[in-house]
Amino acid sequence: MSKLISDITMSVDGYVAGPDPTLEEPLGRGGEQLHDWMVATKAWRETHGMDGGEDNADSRRFEEHLRSIGATIMGRRMFSGGSGPWEGDPNAAAWFGDEPPFHHSVFVLTHHARDPEVKEGGTTYVFVTDGIESALEQARAAAEGGDVQVAGGANVVQQYLAAGLLDELQVHVAPVLLGGGVRLFDQLGPDPPKLERMSVVESPAAAHLRYRVVK
């Protein structure tokens, strides 16, 4: 069976987004710095139809992860930053434009129903209103043997961890201190999961930590 993998970037002080997010700054104040390591890579730029970028340890780590992924799960806030009925969401079309970088099915957890949307480049958004287990079941079917990634945000990662459904946790630690915002590991309950280290890849731009979730 395919693995469920969380892949997310975190600051040294434990935040995956800065304080006070807005439509202009969806990752909050200073949050965009988290992804500087990734945006500079050749692999990331290729997924966004861009030339250039660095072919280094960061790029190879990003590319290795992408090759294994057949479907993605994300929360509503990562999709659009909004909440409530879709007609009141000023960013209902999402952050990712007409040709998103996923190139596979993306399952968006939401409380508000919406028809699937097919985008250019192979991305289809499917909106799931019946919980994390349903989203995972649908994503595994769409992945056709590939792994499924939980792209974020933090609350969605926490839900899958707490439910015992996450197989691997990949955390890219950026050399950034945000001082506040959204923590990755806030809501894990009284008996948090145990982790087993799989690998550590270091670069000047980030430390890439990979853990197996002990079942």
N, C-alpha and C. Protein backbone atom coordinates (compact mmCIF):
# COMPACT_ATOMS: atom_id res chain seq x y z
N MET A 1 0.84 -1.19 0.00
CA MET A 1 0.00 0.00 0.00
C MET A 1 0.88 1.25 0.00
N SER A 2 0.41 2.28 -0.68
CA SER A 2 1.17 3.52 -0.73
C SER A 2 1.28 4.15 0.66
N LYS A 3 2.31 4.96 0.84
CA LYS A 3 2.53 5.63 2.12
C LYS A 3 1.86 7.00 2.14
N LEU A 4 1.49 7.42 3.34
CA LEU A 4 0.99 8.78 3.55
C LEU A 4 2.14 9.58 4.18
N ILE A 5 2.57 10.62 3.48
CA ILE A 5 3.77 11.36 3.86
C ILE A 5 3.43 12.84 4.02
N SER A 6 3.81 13.39 5.15
CA SER A 6 3.70 14.84 5.32
C SER A 6 5.03 15.46 4.91
N ASP A 7 4.96 16.52 4.12
CA ASP A 7 6.16 17.21 3.65
C ASP A 7 5.93 18.70 3.85
N ILE A 8 6.70 19.32 4.77
CA ILE A 8 6.40 20.69 5.14
C ILE A 8 7.68 21.37 5.62
N THR A 9 7.75 22.68 5.44
CA THR A 9 8.90 23.45 5.89
C THR A 9 8.56 24.18 7.19
N MET A 10 9.51 24.19 8.11
CA MET A 10 9.31 24.74 9.44
C MET A 10 10.47 25.67 9.79
N SER A 11 10.20 26.70 10.55
CA SER A 11 11.26 27.57 11.04
C SER A 11 11.99 26.89 12.20
N VAL A 12 13.14 27.42 12.56
CA VAL A 12 13.90 26.85 13.66
C VAL A 12 13.11 26.90 14.97
N ASP A 13 12.25 27.91 15.13
CA ASP A 13 11.44 27.99 16.34
C ASP A 13 10.08 27.32 16.21
N GLY A 14 9.92 26.49 15.20
CA GLY A 14 8.78 25.57 15.15
C GLY A 14 7.53 26.02 14.43
N TYR A 15 7.61 27.08 13.62
CA TYR A 15 6.43 27.60 12.94
C TYR A 15 6.44 27.25 11.45
N VAL A 16 5.26 26.95 10.91
CA VAL A 16 5.12 26.71 9.47
C VAL A 16 4.47 27.88 8.76
N ALA A 17 4.07 28.88 9.51
CA ALA A 17 3.57 30.15 8.97
C ALA A 17 3.80 31.21 10.02
N GLY A 18 3.97 32.44 9.57
CA GLY A 18 4.17 33.55 10.49
C GLY A 18 2.86 34.11 11.00
N PRO A 19 2.91 35.13 11.84
CA PRO A 19 1.69 35.73 12.39
C PRO A 19 0.96 36.58 11.36
N ASP A 20 -0.34 36.78 11.60
CA ASP A 20 -1.18 37.72 10.85
C ASP A 20 -1.21 37.45 9.35
N PRO A 21 -1.64 36.25 8.92
CA PRO A 21 -1.74 35.99 7.48
C PRO A 21 -2.81 36.85 6.81
N THR A 22 -2.57 37.22 5.57
CA THR A 22 -3.52 37.98 4.76
C THR A 22 -3.52 37.39 3.36
N LEU A 23 -4.40 37.90 2.50
CA LEU A 23 -4.39 37.46 1.10
C LEU A 23 -3.08 37.83 0.42
N GLU A 24 -2.51 38.96 0.83
CA GLU A 24 -1.23 39.39 0.25
C GLU A 24 -0.06 38.60 0.81
N GLU A 25 -0.16 38.18 2.08
CA GLU A 25 0.88 37.40 2.74
C GLU A 25 0.25 36.16 3.36
N PRO A 26 -0.06 35.15 2.54
CA PRO A 26 -0.78 33.98 3.05
C PRO A 26 -0.02 33.20 4.10
N LEU A 27 1.30 33.32 4.13
CA LEU A 27 2.10 32.64 5.14
C LEU A 27 2.44 33.55 6.32
N GLY A 28 1.73 34.67 6.44
CA GLY A 28 1.95 35.57 7.56
C GLY A 28 3.22 36.39 7.41
N ARG A 29 3.46 37.24 8.39
CA ARG A 29 4.65 38.09 8.35
C ARG A 29 5.92 37.25 8.40
N GLY A 30 6.72 37.40 7.37
CA GLY A 30 7.99 36.69 7.31
C GLY A 30 7.90 35.26 6.85
N GLY A 31 6.69 34.74 6.64
CA GLY A 31 6.52 33.33 6.33
C GLY A 31 7.09 32.91 4.99
N GLU A 32 7.13 33.83 4.03
CA GLU A 32 7.66 33.47 2.72
C GLU A 32 9.12 33.04 2.79
N GLN A 33 9.83 33.51 3.81
CA GLN A 33 11.24 33.13 3.95
C GLN A 33 11.41 31.62 4.12
N LEU A 34 10.38 30.97 4.63
CA LEU A 34 10.47 29.52 4.87
C LEU A 34 10.81 28.77 3.59
N HIS A 35 10.33 29.26 2.48
CA HIS A 35 10.45 28.51 1.23
C HIS A 35 11.55 29.02 0.32
N ASP A 36 12.40 29.91 0.83
CA ASP A 36 13.50 30.42 0.01
C ASP A 36 14.38 29.27 -0.50
N TRP A 37 14.62 28.28 0.36
CA TRP A 37 15.48 27.15 -0.04
C TRP A 37 14.89 26.42 -1.24
N MET A 38 13.57 26.28 -1.26
CA MET A 38 12.91 25.49 -2.28
C MET A 38 12.79 26.27 -3.60
N VAL A 39 12.41 27.53 -3.49
CA VAL A 39 12.22 28.36 -4.68
C VAL A 39 13.52 28.50 -5.47
N ALA A 40 14.65 28.39 -4.78
CA ALA A 40 15.93 28.52 -5.46
C ALA A 40 16.36 27.28 -6.22
N THR A 41 15.65 26.16 -6.06
CA THR A 41 16.10 24.91 -6.66
C THR A 41 15.64 24.75 -8.10
N LYS A 42 16.42 24.01 -8.84
CA LYS A 42 16.08 23.68 -10.23
C LYS A 42 14.80 22.85 -10.29
N ALA A 43 14.66 21.88 -9.38
CA ALA A 43 13.49 20.99 -9.40
C ALA A 43 12.20 21.76 -9.16
N TRP A 44 12.20 22.69 -8.20
CA TRP A 44 10.99 23.48 -7.93
C TRP A 44 10.65 24.35 -9.12
N ARG A 45 11.64 24.99 -9.70
CA ARG A 45 11.39 25.89 -10.82
C ARG A 45 10.84 25.13 -12.02
N GLU A 46 11.31 23.90 -12.22
CA GLU A 46 10.80 23.09 -13.33
C GLU A 46 9.32 22.78 -13.16
N THR A 47 8.89 22.49 -11.93
CA THR A 47 7.47 22.19 -11.71
C THR A 47 6.59 23.40 -11.95
N HIS A 48 7.19 24.59 -11.91
CA HIS A 48 6.43 25.82 -12.14
C HIS A 48 6.68 26.39 -13.53
N GLY A 49 7.28 25.58 -14.41
CA GLY A 49 7.50 26.01 -15.78
C GLY A 49 8.54 27.09 -15.92
N MET A 50 9.52 27.11 -15.01
CA MET A 50 10.54 28.15 -15.01
C MET A 50 11.91 27.54 -15.29
N ASP A 51 12.79 28.34 -15.86
CA ASP A 51 14.16 27.91 -16.12
C ASP A 51 15.06 28.25 -14.94
N GLY A 52 16.27 27.72 -14.99
CA GLY A 52 17.28 28.07 -14.00
C GLY A 52 17.11 27.32 -12.70
N GLY A 53 17.71 27.86 -11.66
CA GLY A 53 17.68 27.23 -10.36
C GLY A 53 18.92 26.41 -10.08
N GLU A 54 19.14 26.12 -8.82
CA GLU A 54 20.34 25.41 -8.38
C GLU A 54 20.11 23.91 -8.35
N ASP A 55 21.03 23.16 -8.94
CA ASP A 55 20.98 21.70 -8.92
C ASP A 55 21.89 21.24 -7.79
N ASN A 56 21.34 21.19 -6.57
CA ASN A 56 22.13 20.91 -5.38
C ASN A 56 21.40 19.90 -4.49
N ALA A 57 21.85 19.74 -3.26
CA ALA A 57 21.23 18.77 -2.36
C ALA A 57 19.76 19.10 -2.10
N ASP A 58 19.43 20.38 -2.01
CA ASP A 58 18.04 20.78 -1.80
C ASP A 58 17.17 20.36 -2.99
N SER A 59 17.68 20.62 -4.19
CA SER A 59 16.93 20.28 -5.40
C SER A 59 16.74 18.78 -5.52
N ARG A 60 17.80 18.03 -5.25
CA ARG A 60 17.68 16.57 -5.35
C ARG A 60 16.72 16.01 -4.31
N ARG A 61 16.68 16.58 -3.11
CA ARG A 61 15.74 16.12 -2.09
C ARG A 61 14.31 16.41 -2.52
N PHE A 62 14.08 17.60 -3.06
CA PHE A 62 12.75 17.98 -3.53
C PHE A 62 12.31 17.07 -4.68
N GLU A 63 13.21 16.83 -5.62
CA GLU A 63 12.88 15.99 -6.78
C GLU A 63 12.60 14.55 -6.37
N GLU A 64 13.38 14.01 -5.44
CA GLU A 64 13.16 12.65 -4.96
C GLU A 64 11.77 12.49 -4.37
N HIS A 65 11.37 13.47 -3.58
CA HIS A 65 10.03 13.42 -2.99
C HIS A 65 8.96 13.49 -4.06
N LEU A 66 9.10 14.40 -5.01
CA LEU A 66 8.08 14.57 -6.04
C LEU A 66 7.86 13.29 -6.84
N ARG A 67 8.94 12.57 -7.13
CA ARG A 67 8.83 11.37 -7.95
C ARG A 67 7.92 10.31 -7.32
N SER A 68 7.84 10.29 -6.00
CA SER A 68 7.08 9.24 -5.32
C SER A 68 5.60 9.58 -5.16
N ILE A 69 5.23 10.83 -5.39
CA ILE A 69 3.89 11.30 -5.03
C ILE A 69 2.90 11.15 -6.18
N GLY A 70 1.75 10.52 -5.87
CA GLY A 70 0.71 10.36 -6.87
C GLY A 70 -0.54 11.17 -6.60
N ALA A 71 -0.67 11.72 -5.39
CA ALA A 71 -1.84 12.54 -5.04
C ALA A 71 -1.48 13.37 -3.81
N THR A 72 -2.22 14.46 -3.62
CA THR A 72 -1.96 15.39 -2.52
C THR A 72 -3.24 15.66 -1.75
N ILE A 73 -3.09 15.81 -0.43
CA ILE A 73 -4.18 16.25 0.45
C ILE A 73 -3.77 17.57 1.07
N MET A 74 -4.70 18.52 1.12
CA MET A 74 -4.43 19.79 1.79
C MET A 74 -5.70 20.31 2.45
N GLY A 75 -5.53 21.23 3.37
CA GLY A 75 -6.66 21.87 4.02
C GLY A 75 -7.18 23.05 3.23
N ARG A 76 -8.36 23.49 3.62
CA ARG A 76 -8.99 24.63 2.95
C ARG A 76 -8.12 25.88 3.02
N ARG A 77 -7.49 26.12 4.16
CA ARG A 77 -6.70 27.34 4.29
C ARG A 77 -5.46 27.32 3.41
N MET A 78 -4.88 26.14 3.21
CA MET A 78 -3.76 26.08 2.28
C MET A 78 -4.23 26.29 0.85
N PHE A 79 -5.44 25.85 0.55
CA PHE A 79 -5.98 25.99 -0.80
C PHE A 79 -6.26 27.45 -1.13
N SER A 80 -6.98 28.13 -0.23
CA SER A 80 -7.42 29.48 -0.57
C SER A 80 -7.20 30.51 0.53
N GLY A 81 -6.94 30.05 1.75
CA GLY A 81 -6.83 30.97 2.87
C GLY A 81 -8.16 31.35 3.48
N GLY A 82 -9.25 30.86 2.90
CA GLY A 82 -10.58 31.26 3.35
C GLY A 82 -11.25 30.24 4.25
N SER A 83 -12.48 30.54 4.60
CA SER A 83 -13.32 29.65 5.39
C SER A 83 -14.77 30.00 5.10
N GLY A 84 -15.68 29.15 5.56
CA GLY A 84 -17.09 29.42 5.31
C GLY A 84 -17.51 29.07 3.89
N PRO A 85 -18.73 29.44 3.51
CA PRO A 85 -19.23 29.13 2.17
C PRO A 85 -18.32 29.70 1.08
N TRP A 86 -18.23 28.95 -0.02
CA TRP A 86 -17.30 29.33 -1.08
C TRP A 86 -17.64 30.67 -1.71
N GLU A 87 -18.93 30.99 -1.78
CA GLU A 87 -19.30 32.25 -2.43
C GLU A 87 -18.79 33.47 -1.66
N GLY A 88 -18.43 33.30 -0.40
CA GLY A 88 -17.89 34.41 0.38
C GLY A 88 -16.37 34.41 0.46
N ASP A 89 -15.73 33.50 -0.24
CA ASP A 89 -14.27 33.38 -0.19
C ASP A 89 -13.66 34.26 -1.29
N PRO A 90 -12.92 35.32 -0.93
CA PRO A 90 -12.36 36.20 -1.96
C PRO A 90 -11.27 35.55 -2.79
N ASN A 91 -10.79 34.38 -2.35
CA ASN A 91 -9.73 33.69 -3.09
C ASN A 91 -10.17 32.27 -3.44
N ALA A 92 -11.44 32.11 -3.77
CA ALA A 92 -12.00 30.77 -4.01
C ALA A 92 -11.33 30.04 -5.16
N ALA A 93 -10.68 30.78 -6.06
CA ALA A 93 -9.98 30.15 -7.19
C ALA A 93 -8.62 29.60 -6.80
N ALA A 94 -8.20 29.83 -5.56
CA ALA A 94 -6.97 29.27 -4.97
C ALA A 94 -5.75 30.11 -5.32
N TRP A 95 -4.64 29.78 -4.60
CA TRP A 95 -3.39 30.51 -4.78
C TRP A 95 -2.64 30.10 -6.05
N PHE A 96 -2.97 28.96 -6.64
CA PHE A 96 -2.02 28.30 -7.52
C PHE A 96 -2.22 28.57 -9.01
N GLY A 97 -3.19 29.39 -9.38
CA GLY A 97 -3.34 29.79 -10.77
C GLY A 97 -4.02 28.74 -11.63
N ASP A 98 -4.03 29.00 -12.95
CA ASP A 98 -4.72 28.14 -13.90
C ASP A 98 -3.96 26.85 -14.19
N GLU A 99 -2.66 26.84 -13.94
CA GLU A 99 -1.85 25.63 -14.16
C GLU A 99 -1.06 25.34 -12.88
N PRO A 100 -1.69 24.72 -11.89
CA PRO A 100 -1.03 24.47 -10.61
C PRO A 100 0.16 23.53 -10.76
N PRO A 101 1.09 23.54 -9.80
CA PRO A 101 2.32 22.77 -9.93
C PRO A 101 2.20 21.31 -9.52
N PHE A 102 1.00 20.83 -9.19
CA PHE A 102 0.87 19.48 -8.65
C PHE A 102 0.89 18.40 -9.73
N HIS A 103 0.15 18.62 -10.81
CA HIS A 103 0.10 17.69 -11.94
C HIS A 103 -0.48 16.32 -11.54
N HIS A 104 -1.35 16.32 -10.56
CA HIS A 104 -2.10 15.13 -10.15
C HIS A 104 -3.32 15.59 -9.35
N SER A 105 -4.09 14.66 -8.84
CA SER A 105 -5.30 15.03 -8.09
C SER A 105 -4.94 15.57 -6.71
N VAL A 106 -5.63 16.64 -6.32
CA VAL A 106 -5.44 17.27 -5.02
C VAL A 106 -6.78 17.25 -4.29
N PHE A 107 -6.78 16.70 -3.09
CA PHE A 107 -8.00 16.55 -2.30
C PHE A 107 -8.00 17.59 -1.19
N VAL A 108 -8.99 18.50 -1.26
CA VAL A 108 -9.05 19.65 -0.37
C VAL A 108 -10.09 19.37 0.71
N LEU A 109 -9.66 19.36 1.96
CA LEU A 109 -10.56 19.15 3.09
C LEU A 109 -11.33 20.43 3.37
N THR A 110 -12.66 20.32 3.40
CA THR A 110 -13.50 21.50 3.58
C THR A 110 -14.83 21.06 4.19
N HIS A 111 -15.53 22.00 4.80
CA HIS A 111 -16.88 21.75 5.32
C HIS A 111 -17.95 22.15 4.32
N HIS A 112 -17.54 22.66 3.15
CA HIS A 112 -18.50 23.22 2.21
C HIS A 112 -18.32 22.55 0.84
N ALA A 113 -19.39 21.92 0.37
CA ALA A 113 -19.34 21.13 -0.87
C ALA A 113 -19.04 22.01 -2.08
N ARG A 114 -18.39 21.39 -3.06
CA ARG A 114 -18.04 22.08 -4.30
C ARG A 114 -17.70 21.04 -5.34
N ASP A 115 -18.08 21.28 -6.58
CA ASP A 115 -17.78 20.34 -7.64
C ASP A 115 -16.27 20.31 -7.92
N PRO A 116 -15.77 19.15 -8.36
CA PRO A 116 -14.34 19.07 -8.72
C PRO A 116 -13.99 20.07 -9.81
N GLU A 117 -12.74 20.49 -9.82
CA GLU A 117 -12.26 21.42 -10.84
C GLU A 117 -11.02 20.85 -11.51
N VAL A 118 -11.07 20.78 -12.82
CA VAL A 118 -9.94 20.28 -13.61
C VAL A 118 -9.15 21.49 -14.13
N LYS A 119 -7.86 21.50 -13.82
CA LYS A 119 -6.99 22.59 -14.23
C LYS A 119 -6.03 22.12 -15.32
N GLU A 120 -5.33 23.05 -15.92
CA GLU A 120 -4.33 22.72 -16.92
C GLU A 120 -3.15 22.01 -16.26
N GLY A 121 -2.50 21.16 -17.05
CA GLY A 121 -1.29 20.52 -16.55
C GLY A 121 -1.53 19.26 -15.73
N GLY A 122 -2.76 18.77 -15.69
CA GLY A 122 -3.02 17.50 -15.02
C GLY A 122 -3.51 17.57 -13.59
N THR A 123 -3.70 18.77 -13.05
CA THR A 123 -4.20 18.91 -11.68
C THR A 123 -5.72 18.93 -11.66
N THR A 124 -6.32 18.10 -10.80
CA THR A 124 -7.75 18.14 -10.54
C THR A 124 -7.97 18.35 -9.05
N TYR A 125 -8.74 19.37 -8.69
CA TYR A 125 -9.09 19.61 -7.30
C TYR A 125 -10.39 18.88 -6.97
N VAL A 126 -10.34 18.08 -5.91
CA VAL A 126 -11.53 17.37 -5.43
C VAL A 126 -11.78 17.85 -4.01
N PHE A 127 -13.00 18.30 -3.72
CA PHE A 127 -13.32 18.89 -2.44
C PHE A 127 -14.04 17.86 -1.57
N VAL A 128 -13.43 17.55 -0.43
CA VAL A 128 -13.87 16.45 0.43
C VAL A 128 -14.50 17.01 1.69
N THR A 129 -15.76 16.66 1.93
CA THR A 129 -16.48 17.19 3.09
C THR A 129 -16.72 16.15 4.18
N ASP A 130 -16.30 14.90 3.95
CA ASP A 130 -16.62 13.85 4.92
C ASP A 130 -15.39 13.31 5.65
N GLY A 131 -14.38 14.17 5.85
CA GLY A 131 -13.33 13.83 6.79
C GLY A 131 -12.02 13.34 6.20
N ILE A 132 -11.04 13.21 7.10
CA ILE A 132 -9.68 12.89 6.67
C ILE A 132 -9.55 11.47 6.15
N GLU A 133 -10.31 10.53 6.72
CA GLU A 133 -10.23 9.14 6.25
C GLU A 133 -10.73 9.02 4.82
N SER A 134 -11.84 9.71 4.52
CA SER A 134 -12.38 9.69 3.16
C SER A 134 -11.40 10.32 2.18
N ALA A 135 -10.79 11.44 2.58
CA ALA A 135 -9.83 12.09 1.70
C ALA A 135 -8.66 11.16 1.40
N LEU A 136 -8.19 10.44 2.42
CA LEU A 136 -7.07 9.52 2.22
C LEU A 136 -7.47 8.36 1.32
N GLU A 137 -8.65 7.81 1.52
CA GLU A 137 -9.10 6.71 0.67
C GLU A 137 -9.18 7.14 -0.80
N GLN A 138 -9.74 8.31 -1.03
CA GLN A 138 -9.86 8.80 -2.41
C GLN A 138 -8.48 9.12 -3.00
N ALA A 139 -7.61 9.69 -2.18
CA ALA A 139 -6.28 10.04 -2.67
C ALA A 139 -5.48 8.80 -3.03
N ARG A 140 -5.57 7.76 -2.21
CA ARG A 140 -4.84 6.52 -2.52
C ARG A 140 -5.35 5.90 -3.81
N ALA A 141 -6.64 5.95 -4.04
CA ALA A 141 -7.17 5.42 -5.30
C ALA A 141 -6.65 6.22 -6.48
N ALA A 142 -6.60 7.55 -6.34
CA ALA A 142 -6.14 8.40 -7.43
C ALA A 142 -4.65 8.25 -7.66
N ALA A 143 -3.88 7.94 -6.60
CA ALA A 143 -2.42 7.85 -6.71
C ALA A 143 -1.98 6.60 -7.46
N GLU A 144 -2.85 5.59 -7.56
CA GLU A 144 -2.57 4.37 -8.34
C GLU A 144 -1.23 3.75 -7.96
N GLY A 145 -1.03 3.57 -6.66
CA GLY A 145 0.19 2.94 -6.18
C GLY A 145 1.27 3.90 -5.73
N GLY A 146 1.16 5.15 -6.12
CA GLY A 146 2.10 6.15 -5.66
C GLY A 146 1.80 6.58 -4.23
N ASP A 147 2.72 7.29 -3.62
CA ASP A 147 2.48 7.79 -2.27
C ASP A 147 1.55 8.99 -2.31
N VAL A 148 0.96 9.28 -1.15
CA VAL A 148 0.09 10.44 -0.97
C VAL A 148 0.78 11.41 -0.03
N GLN A 149 0.80 12.68 -0.39
CA GLN A 149 1.42 13.65 0.50
C GLN A 149 0.36 14.53 1.17
N VAL A 150 0.59 14.80 2.45
CA VAL A 150 -0.19 15.82 3.16
C VAL A 150 0.63 17.10 3.07
N ALA A 151 0.15 18.04 2.27
CA ALA A 151 0.94 19.24 2.00
C ALA A 151 0.76 20.30 3.09
N GLY A 152 -0.31 20.24 3.85
CA GLY A 152 -0.55 21.21 4.91
C GLY A 152 -2.00 21.65 4.92
N GLY A 153 -2.34 22.57 5.79
CA GLY A 153 -1.45 23.19 6.75
C GLY A 153 -1.22 22.34 8.00
N ALA A 154 -0.75 23.03 9.03
CA ALA A 154 -0.36 22.36 10.25
C ALA A 154 -1.50 21.56 10.88
N ASN A 155 -2.70 22.11 10.88
CA ASN A 155 -3.82 21.42 11.51
C ASN A 155 -4.13 20.11 10.83
N VAL A 156 -4.01 20.07 9.51
CA VAL A 156 -4.28 18.84 8.76
C VAL A 156 -3.21 17.79 9.08
N VAL A 157 -1.95 18.21 9.14
CA VAL A 157 -0.87 17.29 9.54
C VAL A 157 -1.14 16.73 10.92
N GLN A 158 -1.54 17.59 11.85
CA GLN A 158 -1.82 17.17 13.21
C GLN A 158 -2.97 16.15 13.26
N GLN A 159 -4.00 16.38 12.45
CA GLN A 159 -5.13 15.44 12.43
C GLN A 159 -4.69 14.06 11.97
N TYR A 160 -3.90 13.99 10.91
CA TYR A 160 -3.45 12.69 10.42
C TYR A 160 -2.49 12.01 11.38
N LEU A 161 -1.64 12.79 12.04
CA LEU A 161 -0.75 12.23 13.05
C LEU A 161 -1.55 11.66 14.22
N ALA A 162 -2.49 12.46 14.74
CA ALA A 162 -3.28 12.03 15.89
C ALA A 162 -4.13 10.81 15.58
N ALA A 163 -4.55 10.66 14.32
CA ALA A 163 -5.38 9.52 13.92
C ALA A 163 -4.55 8.28 13.64
N GLY A 164 -3.22 8.38 13.70
CA GLY A 164 -2.36 7.23 13.44
C GLY A 164 -2.29 6.85 11.97
N LEU A 165 -2.58 7.79 11.08
CA LEU A 165 -2.64 7.47 9.65
C LEU A 165 -1.38 7.88 8.89
N LEU A 166 -0.56 8.73 9.50
CA LEU A 166 0.64 9.21 8.82
C LEU A 166 1.75 8.18 8.93
N ASP A 167 2.43 7.91 7.80
CA ASP A 167 3.53 6.94 7.78
C ASP A 167 4.89 7.60 7.91
N GLU A 168 5.07 8.74 7.27
CA GLU A 168 6.35 9.44 7.31
C GLU A 168 6.13 10.93 7.49
N LEU A 169 7.10 11.55 8.14
CA LEU A 169 7.07 12.99 8.36
C LEU A 169 8.38 13.57 7.84
N GLN A 170 8.28 14.43 6.84
CA GLN A 170 9.45 15.08 6.27
C GLN A 170 9.37 16.56 6.63
N VAL A 171 10.34 17.02 7.40
CA VAL A 171 10.37 18.40 7.86
C VAL A 171 11.63 19.07 7.33
N HIS A 172 11.45 20.14 6.59
CA HIS A 172 12.58 20.93 6.09
C HIS A 172 12.73 22.12 7.03
N VAL A 173 13.81 22.17 7.77
CA VAL A 173 14.02 23.23 8.75
C VAL A 173 14.82 24.36 8.10
N ALA A 174 14.14 25.48 7.90
CA ALA A 174 14.78 26.64 7.29
C ALA A 174 15.46 27.48 8.37
N PRO A 175 16.59 28.11 8.04
CA PRO A 175 17.31 28.93 9.01
C PRO A 175 16.62 30.27 9.24
N VAL A 176 15.40 30.20 9.79
CA VAL A 176 14.55 31.37 9.97
C VAL A 176 13.94 31.31 11.38
N LEU A 177 13.84 32.45 12.03
CA LEU A 177 13.11 32.58 13.29
C LEU A 177 11.92 33.50 13.04
N LEU A 178 10.70 32.99 13.22
CA LEU A 178 9.51 33.79 12.95
C LEU A 178 8.95 34.44 14.21
N GLY A 179 9.20 33.87 15.37
CA GLY A 179 8.78 34.49 16.61
C GLY A 179 7.31 34.37 16.94
N GLY A 180 6.54 33.75 16.08
CA GLY A 180 5.10 33.58 16.30
C GLY A 180 4.46 33.06 15.03
N GLY A 181 3.18 32.70 15.14
CA GLY A 181 2.47 32.20 13.98
C GLY A 181 1.82 30.86 14.24
N VAL A 182 1.91 29.96 13.28
CA VAL A 182 1.25 28.65 13.35
C VAL A 182 2.31 27.59 13.61
N ARG A 183 2.19 26.89 14.72
CA ARG A 183 3.14 25.83 15.06
C ARG A 183 2.74 24.52 14.38
N LEU A 184 3.74 23.73 14.04
CA LEU A 184 3.47 22.46 13.38
C LEU A 184 2.93 21.42 14.35
N PHE A 185 3.39 21.43 15.60
CA PHE A 185 3.08 20.33 16.51
C PHE A 185 2.33 20.80 17.75
N ASP A 186 1.26 21.57 17.55
CA ASP A 186 0.51 22.09 18.70
C ASP A 186 -0.55 21.14 19.26
N GLN A 187 -1.22 20.38 18.41
CA GLN A 187 -2.42 19.65 18.82
C GLN A 187 -2.26 18.15 18.63
N LEU A 188 -1.43 17.52 19.44
CA LEU A 188 -1.16 16.10 19.27
C LEU A 188 -1.74 15.25 20.40
N GLY A 189 -2.39 15.87 21.39
CA GLY A 189 -3.02 15.10 22.45
C GLY A 189 -2.03 14.68 23.52
N PRO A 190 -2.52 13.93 24.53
CA PRO A 190 -1.67 13.56 25.68
C PRO A 190 -0.64 12.48 25.37
N ASP A 191 -0.81 11.76 24.30
CA ASP A 191 0.11 10.67 23.96
C ASP A 191 0.59 10.84 22.52
N PRO A 192 1.51 11.78 22.29
CA PRO A 192 1.93 12.06 20.91
C PRO A 192 2.65 10.87 20.28
N PRO A 193 2.60 10.77 18.96
CA PRO A 193 3.25 9.64 18.27
C PRO A 193 4.75 9.64 18.48
N LYS A 194 5.34 8.47 18.36
CA LYS A 194 6.79 8.33 18.43
C LYS A 194 7.35 8.29 17.02
N LEU A 195 8.54 8.86 16.88
CA LEU A 195 9.18 8.97 15.57
C LEU A 195 10.50 8.21 15.57
N GLU A 196 10.84 7.68 14.39
CA GLU A 196 12.11 6.99 14.19
C GLU A 196 12.84 7.68 13.06
N ARG A 197 14.06 8.14 13.31
CA ARG A 197 14.79 8.89 12.29
C ARG A 197 15.16 7.99 11.12
N MET A 198 14.91 8.49 9.91
CA MET A 198 15.27 7.79 8.69
C MET A 198 16.49 8.42 8.03
N SER A 199 16.50 9.75 7.92
CA SER A 199 17.64 10.40 7.27
C SER A 199 17.69 11.87 7.64
N VAL A 200 18.89 12.42 7.50
CA VAL A 200 19.12 13.86 7.66
C VAL A 200 19.99 14.30 6.50
N VAL A 201 19.52 15.28 5.74
CA VAL A 201 20.29 15.85 4.64
C VAL A 201 20.52 17.32 4.96
N GLU A 202 21.78 17.72 4.98
CA GLU A 202 22.12 19.10 5.32
C GLU A 202 22.52 19.87 4.08
N SER A 203 22.19 21.16 4.09
CA SER A 203 22.66 22.07 3.05
C SER A 203 22.78 23.45 3.69
N PRO A 204 23.42 24.40 3.01
CA PRO A 204 23.49 25.75 3.57
C PRO A 204 22.11 26.40 3.71
N ALA A 205 21.11 25.93 2.94
CA ALA A 205 19.81 26.59 2.92
C ALA A 205 18.79 25.97 3.85
N ALA A 206 18.94 24.68 4.23
CA ALA A 206 17.94 24.01 5.06
C ALA A 206 18.51 22.69 5.56
N ALA A 207 17.87 22.16 6.60
CA ALA A 207 18.16 20.80 7.05
C ALA A 207 16.91 19.97 6.77
N HIS A 208 17.08 18.87 6.05
CA HIS A 208 15.96 18.05 5.62
C HIS A 208 15.89 16.80 6.50
N LEU A 209 14.88 16.74 7.35
CA LEU A 209 14.73 15.67 8.33
C LEU A 209 13.60 14.75 7.89
N ARG A 210 13.87 13.46 7.93
CA ARG A 210 12.87 12.47 7.51
C ARG A 210 12.69 11.44 8.63
N TYR A 211 11.43 11.27 9.06
CA TYR A 211 11.12 10.37 10.16
C TYR A 211 10.04 9.38 9.76
N ARG A 212 10.16 8.18 10.28
CA ARG A 212 9.08 7.20 10.19
C ARG A 212 8.22 7.33 11.44
N VAL A 213 6.92 7.31 11.26
CA VAL A 213 6.00 7.35 12.40
C VAL A 213 5.84 5.92 12.91
N VAL A 214 6.21 5.68 14.17
CA VAL A 214 6.15 4.34 14.74
C VAL A 214 4.69 4.01 15.03
N LYS A 215 4.25 2.91 14.44
CA LYS A 215 2.85 2.49 14.61
C LYS A 215 2.69 1.69 15.89
